[in-house]
Amino acid sequence: MPAFSLPSFPPLLLLLLMLLLPSPSFAISYCNGPCTTLNDCNGQLICISGRCTDDPDVGTHICSSGASSPSGTLT
């Protein structure tokens, strides 16, 4: 029966983790998230200058809608 050699275990574990864990390049980005291709952005967002943003051709306003402060009083 062959004995385990400790020096070979860490590289094997590292290889296994690299194969099982998802790569950051496969991540889907949201508003202002990093991107390199059109498919890197979520939903109707598009990759412009390396950032996910609204698609002007579709007319989305997901990222540019911003949060506005409420006006008036609640009763």
PDB file of N, CA and C in Angstrom:
ATOM      1  N   MET A   1       0.850  -1.171   0.000  1.00  0.00           N
ATOM      2  CA  MET A   1       0.000   0.000   0.000  1.00  0.00           C
ATOM      3  C   MET A   1       0.900   1.241   0.000  1.00  0.00           C
ATOM      4  N   PRO A   2       0.751   2.127  -1.006  1.00  0.00           N
ATOM      5  CA  PRO A   2       1.603   3.316  -1.041  1.00  0.00           C
ATOM      6  C   PRO A   2       1.200   4.321   0.024  1.00  0.00           C
ATOM      7  N   ALA A   3       2.187   4.926   0.610  1.00  0.00           N
ATOM      8  CA  ALA A   3       1.930   5.939   1.640  1.00  0.00           C
ATOM      9  C   ALA A   3       1.765   7.301   0.979  1.00  0.00           C
ATOM     10  N   PHE A   4       0.931   8.142   1.593  1.00  0.00           N
ATOM     11  CA  PHE A   4       0.756   9.508   1.083  1.00  0.00           C
ATOM     12  C   PHE A   4       2.018  10.305   1.357  1.00  0.00           C
ATOM     13  N   SER A   5       2.386  11.080   0.409  1.00  0.00           N
ATOM     14  CA  SER A   5       3.538  11.945   0.591  1.00  0.00           C
ATOM     15  C   SER A   5       3.022  13.356   0.830  1.00  0.00           C
ATOM     16  N   LEU A   6       3.335  13.951   1.954  1.00  0.00           N
ATOM     17  CA  LEU A   6       2.842  15.279   2.306  1.00  0.00           C
ATOM     18  C   LEU A   6       3.225  16.368   1.306  1.00  0.00           C
ATOM     19  N   PRO A   7       4.416  16.386   0.737  1.00  0.00           N
ATOM     20  CA  PRO A   7       4.742  17.452  -0.205  1.00  0.00           C
ATOM     21  C   PRO A   7       3.845  17.477  -1.438  1.00  0.00           C
ATOM     22  N   SER A   8       3.291  16.343  -1.871  1.00  0.00           N
ATOM     23  CA  SER A   8       2.453  16.339  -3.068  1.00  0.00           C
ATOM     24  C   SER A   8       0.993  16.679  -2.753  1.00  0.00           C
ATOM     25  N   PHE A   9       0.582  16.651  -1.509  1.00  0.00           N
ATOM     26  CA  PHE A   9      -0.815  16.933  -1.165  1.00  0.00           C
ATOM     27  C   PHE A   9      -1.213  18.385  -1.398  1.00  0.00           C
ATOM     28  N   PRO A  10      -0.448  19.391  -0.941  1.00  0.00           N
ATOM     29  CA  PRO A  10      -0.862  20.783  -1.184  1.00  0.00           C
ATOM     30  C   PRO A  10      -1.025  21.135  -2.663  1.00  0.00           C
ATOM     31  N   PRO A  11      -0.128  20.743  -3.582  1.00  0.00           N
ATOM     32  CA  PRO A  11      -0.367  21.063  -4.990  1.00  0.00           C
ATOM     33  C   PRO A  11      -1.620  20.385  -5.538  1.00  0.00           C
ATOM     34  N   LEU A  12      -1.897  19.171  -5.086  1.00  0.00           N
ATOM     35  CA  LEU A  12      -3.099  18.476  -5.526  1.00  0.00           C
ATOM     36  C   LEU A  12      -4.341  19.197  -5.018  1.00  0.00           C
ATOM     37  N   LEU A  13      -4.312  19.641  -3.779  1.00  0.00           N
ATOM     38  CA  LEU A  13      -5.433  20.385  -3.207  1.00  0.00           C
ATOM     39  C   LEU A  13      -5.631  21.708  -3.945  1.00  0.00           C
ATOM     40  N   LEU A  14      -4.552  22.384  -4.256  1.00  0.00           N
ATOM     41  CA  LEU A  14      -4.624  23.645  -4.988  1.00  0.00           C
ATOM     42  C   LEU A  14      -5.226  23.432  -6.377  1.00  0.00           C
ATOM     43  N   LEU A  15      -4.812  22.400  -7.057  1.00  0.00           N
ATOM     44  CA  LEU A  15      -5.361  22.086  -8.374  1.00  0.00           C
ATOM     45  C   LEU A  15      -6.849  21.783  -8.281  1.00  0.00           C
ATOM     46  N   LEU A  16      -7.253  21.032  -7.285  1.00  0.00           N
ATOM     47  CA  LEU A  16      -8.659  20.704  -7.088  1.00  0.00           C
ATOM     48  C   LEU A  16      -9.484  21.958  -6.821  1.00  0.00           C
ATOM     49  N   LEU A  17      -8.983  22.852  -5.975  1.00  0.00           N
ATOM     50  CA  LEU A  17      -9.692  24.098  -5.690  1.00  0.00           C
ATOM     51  C   LEU A  17      -9.808  24.974  -6.932  1.00  0.00           C
ATOM     52  N   MET A  18      -8.767  25.029  -7.746  1.00  0.00           N
ATOM     53  CA  MET A  18      -8.802  25.835  -8.966  1.00  0.00           C
ATOM     54  C   MET A  18      -9.851  25.309  -9.941  1.00  0.00           C
ATOM     55  N   LEU A  19     -10.037  24.005  -9.972  1.00  0.00           N
ATOM     56  CA  LEU A  19     -11.018  23.419 -10.880  1.00  0.00           C
ATOM     57  C   LEU A  19     -12.445  23.568 -10.370  1.00  0.00           C
ATOM     58  N   LEU A  20     -12.626  23.541  -9.055  1.00  0.00           N
ATOM     59  CA  LEU A  20     -13.970  23.559  -8.486  1.00  0.00           C
ATOM     60  C   LEU A  20     -14.518  24.950  -8.217  1.00  0.00           C
ATOM     61  N   LEU A  21     -13.657  25.913  -7.900  1.00  0.00           N
ATOM     62  CA  LEU A  21     -14.129  27.260  -7.593  1.00  0.00           C
ATOM     63  C   LEU A  21     -14.315  28.049  -8.882  1.00  0.00           C
ATOM     64  N   PRO A  22     -15.388  28.836  -8.959  1.00  0.00           N
ATOM     65  CA  PRO A  22     -15.620  29.608 -10.180  1.00  0.00           C
ATOM     66  C   PRO A  22     -14.579  30.706 -10.356  1.00  0.00           C
ATOM     67  N   SER A  23     -14.290  30.980 -11.583  1.00  0.00           N
ATOM     68  CA  SER A  23     -13.331  32.035 -11.902  1.00  0.00           C
ATOM     69  C   SER A  23     -14.008  33.388 -11.811  1.00  0.00           C
ATOM     70  N   PRO A  24     -13.318  34.426 -11.337  1.00  0.00           N
ATOM     71  CA  PRO A  24     -13.917  35.765 -11.299  1.00  0.00           C
ATOM     72  C   PRO A  24     -14.313  36.268 -12.682  1.00  0.00           C
ATOM     73  N   SER A  25     -13.707  35.729 -13.737  1.00  0.00           N
ATOM     74  CA  SER A  25     -14.050  36.177 -15.082  1.00  0.00           C
ATOM     75  C   SER A  25     -15.434  35.696 -15.499  1.00  0.00           C
ATOM     76  N   PHE A  26     -15.995  34.724 -14.786  1.00  0.00           N
ATOM     77  CA  PHE A  26     -17.331  34.244 -15.109  1.00  0.00           C
ATOM     78  C   PHE A  26     -18.408  34.985 -14.328  1.00  0.00           C
ATOM     79  N   ALA A  27     -18.028  35.946 -13.524  1.00  0.00           N
ATOM     80  CA  ALA A  27     -18.988  36.668 -12.685  1.00  0.00           C
ATOM     81  C   ALA A  27     -19.835  37.614 -13.526  1.00  0.00           C
ATOM     82  N   ILE A  28     -21.083  37.791 -13.123  1.00  0.00           N
ATOM     83  CA  ILE A  28     -21.986  38.744 -13.758  1.00  0.00           C
ATOM     84  C   ILE A  28     -21.905  40.044 -12.970  1.00  0.00           C
ATOM     85  N   SER A  29     -21.703  41.146 -13.664  1.00  0.00           N
ATOM     86  CA  SER A  29     -21.575  42.439 -12.998  1.00  0.00           C
ATOM     87  C   SER A  29     -22.864  43.240 -13.088  1.00  0.00           C
ATOM     88  N   TYR A  30     -23.068  44.069 -12.096  1.00  0.00           N
ATOM     89  CA  TYR A  30     -24.220  44.958 -12.030  1.00  0.00           C
ATOM     90  C   TYR A  30     -23.757  46.381 -12.328  1.00  0.00           C
ATOM     91  N   CYS A  31     -24.547  47.376 -12.008  1.00  0.00           N
ATOM     92  CA  CYS A  31     -24.244  48.777 -12.313  1.00  0.00           C
ATOM     93  C   CYS A  31     -22.823  49.159 -11.890  1.00  0.00           C
ATOM     94  N   ASN A  32     -22.091  49.696 -12.837  1.00  0.00           N
ATOM     95  CA  ASN A  32     -20.718  50.165 -12.641  1.00  0.00           C
ATOM     96  C   ASN A  32     -19.736  49.058 -12.287  1.00  0.00           C
ATOM     97  N   GLY A  33     -20.157  47.802 -12.410  1.00  0.00           N
ATOM     98  CA  GLY A  33     -19.252  46.691 -12.156  1.00  0.00           C
ATOM     99  C   GLY A  33     -18.299  46.507 -13.323  1.00  0.00           C
ATOM    100  N   PRO A  34     -17.169  45.848 -13.104  1.00  0.00           N
ATOM    101  CA  PRO A  34     -16.196  45.654 -14.175  1.00  0.00           C
ATOM    102  C   PRO A  34     -16.699  44.661 -15.218  1.00  0.00           C
ATOM    103  N   CYS A  35     -16.324  44.871 -16.479  1.00  0.00           N
ATOM    104  CA  CYS A  35     -16.723  43.960 -17.549  1.00  0.00           C
ATOM    105  C   CYS A  35     -15.717  44.048 -18.685  1.00  0.00           C
ATOM    106  N   THR A  36     -15.713  43.010 -19.519  1.00  0.00           N
ATOM    107  CA  THR A  36     -14.880  43.025 -20.717  1.00  0.00           C
ATOM    108  C   THR A  36     -15.696  42.705 -21.961  1.00  0.00           C
ATOM    109  N   THR A  37     -16.796  41.953 -21.799  1.00  0.00           N
ATOM    110  CA  THR A  37     -17.657  41.621 -22.938  1.00  0.00           C
ATOM    111  C   THR A  37     -19.092  41.978 -22.598  1.00  0.00           C
ATOM    112  N   LEU A  38     -19.957  41.992 -23.606  1.00  0.00           N
ATOM    113  CA  LEU A  38     -21.368  42.321 -23.391  1.00  0.00           C
ATOM    114  C   LEU A  38     -22.038  41.341 -22.437  1.00  0.00           C
ATOM    115  N   ASN A  39     -21.595  40.082 -22.454  1.00  0.00           N
ATOM    116  CA  ASN A  39     -22.210  39.057 -21.609  1.00  0.00           C
ATOM    117  C   ASN A  39     -21.791  39.145 -20.152  1.00  0.00           C
ATOM    118  N   ASP A  40     -20.859  40.022 -19.823  1.00  0.00           N
ATOM    119  CA  ASP A  40     -20.400  40.162 -18.442  1.00  0.00           C
ATOM    120  C   ASP A  40     -21.387  40.937 -17.578  1.00  0.00           C
ATOM    121  N   CYS A  41     -22.344  41.629 -18.188  1.00  0.00           N
ATOM    122  CA  CYS A  41     -23.255  42.501 -17.452  1.00  0.00           C
ATOM    123  C   CYS A  41     -24.613  41.840 -17.259  1.00  0.00           C
ATOM    124  N   ASN A  42     -25.253  42.162 -16.150  1.00  0.00           N
ATOM    125  CA  ASN A  42     -26.534  41.579 -15.775  1.00  0.00           C
ATOM    126  C   ASN A  42     -27.692  42.212 -16.553  1.00  0.00           C
ATOM    127  N   GLY A  43     -28.669  41.388 -16.919  1.00  0.00           N
ATOM    128  CA  GLY A  43     -29.919  41.872 -17.507  1.00  0.00           C
ATOM    129  C   GLY A  43     -29.734  42.731 -18.736  1.00  0.00           C
ATOM    130  N   GLN A  44     -30.321  43.931 -18.727  1.00  0.00           N
ATOM    131  CA  GLN A  44     -30.287  44.826 -19.880  1.00  0.00           C
ATOM    132  C   GLN A  44     -29.141  45.833 -19.804  1.00  0.00           C
ATOM    133  N   LEU A  45     -28.138  45.532 -18.999  1.00  0.00           N
ATOM    134  CA  LEU A  45     -26.975  46.414 -18.918  1.00  0.00           C
ATOM    135  C   LEU A  45     -25.999  46.062 -20.035  1.00  0.00           C
ATOM    136  N   ILE A  46     -25.155  47.028 -20.403  1.00  0.00           N
ATOM    137  CA  ILE A  46     -24.184  46.837 -21.469  1.00  0.00           C
ATOM    138  C   ILE A  46     -22.807  47.261 -20.967  1.00  0.00           C
ATOM    139  N   CYS A  47     -21.780  46.655 -21.529  1.00  0.00           N
ATOM    140  CA  CYS A  47     -20.406  46.976 -21.141  1.00  0.00           C
ATOM    141  C   CYS A  47     -19.899  48.139 -21.988  1.00  0.00           C
ATOM    142  N   ILE A  48     -19.659  49.282 -21.344  1.00  0.00           N
ATOM    143  CA  ILE A  48     -19.113  50.460 -22.019  1.00  0.00           C
ATOM    144  C   ILE A  48     -17.886  50.919 -21.233  1.00  0.00           C
ATOM    145  N   SER A  49     -16.766  50.994 -21.912  1.00  0.00           N
ATOM    146  CA  SER A  49     -15.499  51.431 -21.300  1.00  0.00           C
ATOM    147  C   SER A  49     -15.139  50.616 -20.060  1.00  0.00           C
ATOM    148  N   GLY A  50     -15.398  49.309 -20.101  1.00  0.00           N
ATOM    149  CA  GLY A  50     -15.010  48.431 -19.004  1.00  0.00           C
ATOM    150  C   GLY A  50     -15.920  48.461 -17.798  1.00  0.00           C
ATOM    151  N   ARG A  51     -17.084  49.120 -17.896  1.00  0.00           N
ATOM    152  CA  ARG A  51     -18.052  49.197 -16.790  1.00  0.00           C
ATOM    153  C   ARG A  51     -19.446  48.856 -17.295  1.00  0.00           C
ATOM    154  N   CYS A  52     -20.215  48.127 -16.483  1.00  0.00           N
ATOM    155  CA  CYS A  52     -21.600  47.814 -16.832  1.00  0.00           C
ATOM    156  C   CYS A  52     -22.461  49.046 -16.582  1.00  0.00           C
ATOM    157  N   THR A  53     -23.231  49.419 -17.588  1.00  0.00           N
ATOM    158  CA  THR A  53     -24.069  50.608 -17.473  1.00  0.00           C
ATOM    159  C   THR A  53     -25.340  50.425 -18.292  1.00  0.00           C
ATOM    160  N   ASP A  54     -26.228  51.411 -18.244  1.00  0.00           N
ATOM    161  CA  ASP A  54     -27.467  51.362 -19.008  1.00  0.00           C
ATOM    162  C   ASP A  54     -27.162  51.261 -20.501  1.00  0.00           C
ATOM    163  N   ASP A  55     -28.019  50.533 -21.222  1.00  0.00           N
ATOM    164  CA  ASP A  55     -27.876  50.389 -22.668  1.00  0.00           C
ATOM    165  C   ASP A  55     -28.653  51.505 -23.353  1.00  0.00           C
ATOM    166  N   PRO A  56     -27.973  52.459 -23.977  1.00  0.00           N
ATOM    167  CA  PRO A  56     -28.686  53.570 -24.607  1.00  0.00           C
ATOM    168  C   PRO A  56     -29.571  53.120 -25.766  1.00  0.00           C
ATOM    169  N   ASP A  57     -29.222  52.007 -26.427  1.00  0.00           N
ATOM    170  CA  ASP A  57     -30.037  51.517 -27.539  1.00  0.00           C
ATOM    171  C   ASP A  57     -31.361  50.937 -27.061  1.00  0.00           C
ATOM    172  N   VAL A  58     -31.377  50.379 -25.856  1.00  0.00           N
ATOM    173  CA  VAL A  58     -32.597  49.797 -25.289  1.00  0.00           C
ATOM    174  C   VAL A  58     -33.364  50.849 -24.499  1.00  0.00           C
ATOM    175  N   GLY A  59     -32.656  51.846 -23.998  1.00  0.00           N
ATOM    176  CA  GLY A  59     -33.292  52.907 -23.218  1.00  0.00           C
ATOM    177  C   GLY A  59     -33.470  52.559 -21.753  1.00  0.00           C
ATOM    178  N   THR A  60     -32.614  51.677 -21.242  1.00  0.00           N
ATOM    179  CA  THR A  60     -32.719  51.320 -19.824  1.00  0.00           C
ATOM    180  C   THR A  60     -32.217  52.458 -18.950  1.00  0.00           C
ATOM    181  N   HIS A  61     -32.771  52.547 -17.754  1.00  0.00           N
ATOM    182  CA  HIS A  61     -32.361  53.562 -16.771  1.00  0.00           C
ATOM    183  C   HIS A  61     -32.189  52.901 -15.407  1.00  0.00           C
ATOM    184  N   ILE A  62     -31.541  51.743 -15.416  1.00  0.00           N
ATOM    185  CA  ILE A  62     -31.342  50.975 -14.184  1.00  0.00           C
ATOM    186  C   ILE A  62     -30.252  51.621 -13.329  1.00  0.00           C
ATOM    187  N   CYS A  63     -29.139  51.959 -13.946  1.00  0.00           N
ATOM    188  CA  CYS A  63     -28.007  52.531 -13.205  1.00  0.00           C
ATOM    189  C   CYS A  63     -28.152  54.027 -13.009  1.00  0.00           C
ATOM    190  N   SER A  64     -28.738  54.699 -13.973  1.00  0.00           N
ATOM    191  CA  SER A  64     -28.813  56.157 -13.901  1.00  0.00           C
ATOM    192  C   SER A  64     -30.035  56.663 -13.160  1.00  0.00           C
ATOM    193  N   SER A  65     -30.915  55.747 -12.719  1.00  0.00           N
ATOM    194  CA  SER A  65     -32.122  56.207 -12.022  1.00  0.00           C
ATOM    195  C   SER A  65     -31.755  56.898 -10.719  1.00  0.00           C
ATOM    196  N   GLY A  66     -30.730  56.406 -10.049  1.00  0.00           N
ATOM    197  CA  GLY A  66     -30.263  57.035  -8.811  1.00  0.00           C
ATOM    198  C   GLY A  66     -31.326  57.022  -7.734  1.00  0.00           C
ATOM    199  N   ALA A  67     -30.929  57.391  -6.576  1.00  0.00           N
ATOM    200  CA  ALA A  67     -31.863  57.461  -5.451  1.00  0.00           C
ATOM    201  C   ALA A  67     -32.180  58.923  -5.206  1.00  0.00           C
ATOM    202  N   SER A  68     -33.429  59.269  -5.343  1.00  0.00           N
ATOM    203  CA  SER A  68     -33.804  60.659  -5.082  1.00  0.00           C
ATOM    204  C   SER A  68     -34.384  60.755  -3.685  1.00  0.00           C
ATOM    205  N   SER A  69     -34.165  61.875  -3.075  1.00  0.00           N
ATOM    206  CA  SER A  69     -34.699  62.036  -1.733  1.00  0.00           C
ATOM    207  C   SER A  69     -36.160  62.451  -1.826  1.00  0.00           C
ATOM    208  N   PRO A  70     -36.982  61.930  -0.946  1.00  0.00           N
ATOM    209  CA  PRO A  70     -38.407  62.230  -0.989  1.00  0.00           C
ATOM    210  C   PRO A  70     -38.680  63.696  -0.668  1.00  0.00           C
ATOM    211  N   SER A  71     -39.740  64.209  -1.271  1.00  0.00           N
ATOM    212  CA  SER A  71     -40.123  65.588  -0.963  1.00  0.00           C
ATOM    213  C   SER A  71     -41.496  65.572  -0.310  1.00  0.00           C
ATOM    214  N   GLY A  72     -41.802  66.601   0.437  1.00  0.00           N
ATOM    215  CA  GLY A  72     -43.091  66.658   1.124  1.00  0.00           C
ATOM    216  C   GLY A  72     -43.018  66.006   2.481  1.00  0.00           C
ATOM    217  N   THR A  73     -44.175  65.845   3.092  1.00  0.00           N
ATOM    218  CA  THR A  73     -44.231  65.235   4.419  1.00  0.00           C
ATOM    219  C   THR A  73     -45.170  64.053   4.395  1.00  0.00           C
ATOM    220  N   LEU A  74     -44.856  63.089   5.198  1.00  0.00           N
ATOM    221  CA  LEU A  74     -45.725  61.926   5.346  1.00  0.00           C
ATOM    222  C   LEU A  74     -46.677  62.182   6.502  1.00  0.00           C
ATOM    223  N   THR A  75     -47.918  61.836   6.291  1.00  0.00           N
ATOM    224  CA  THR A  75     -48.888  62.012   7.379  1.00  0.00           C
ATOM    225  C   THR A  75     -49.522  60.698   7.727  1.00  0.00           C
TER     226      THR A  75
END
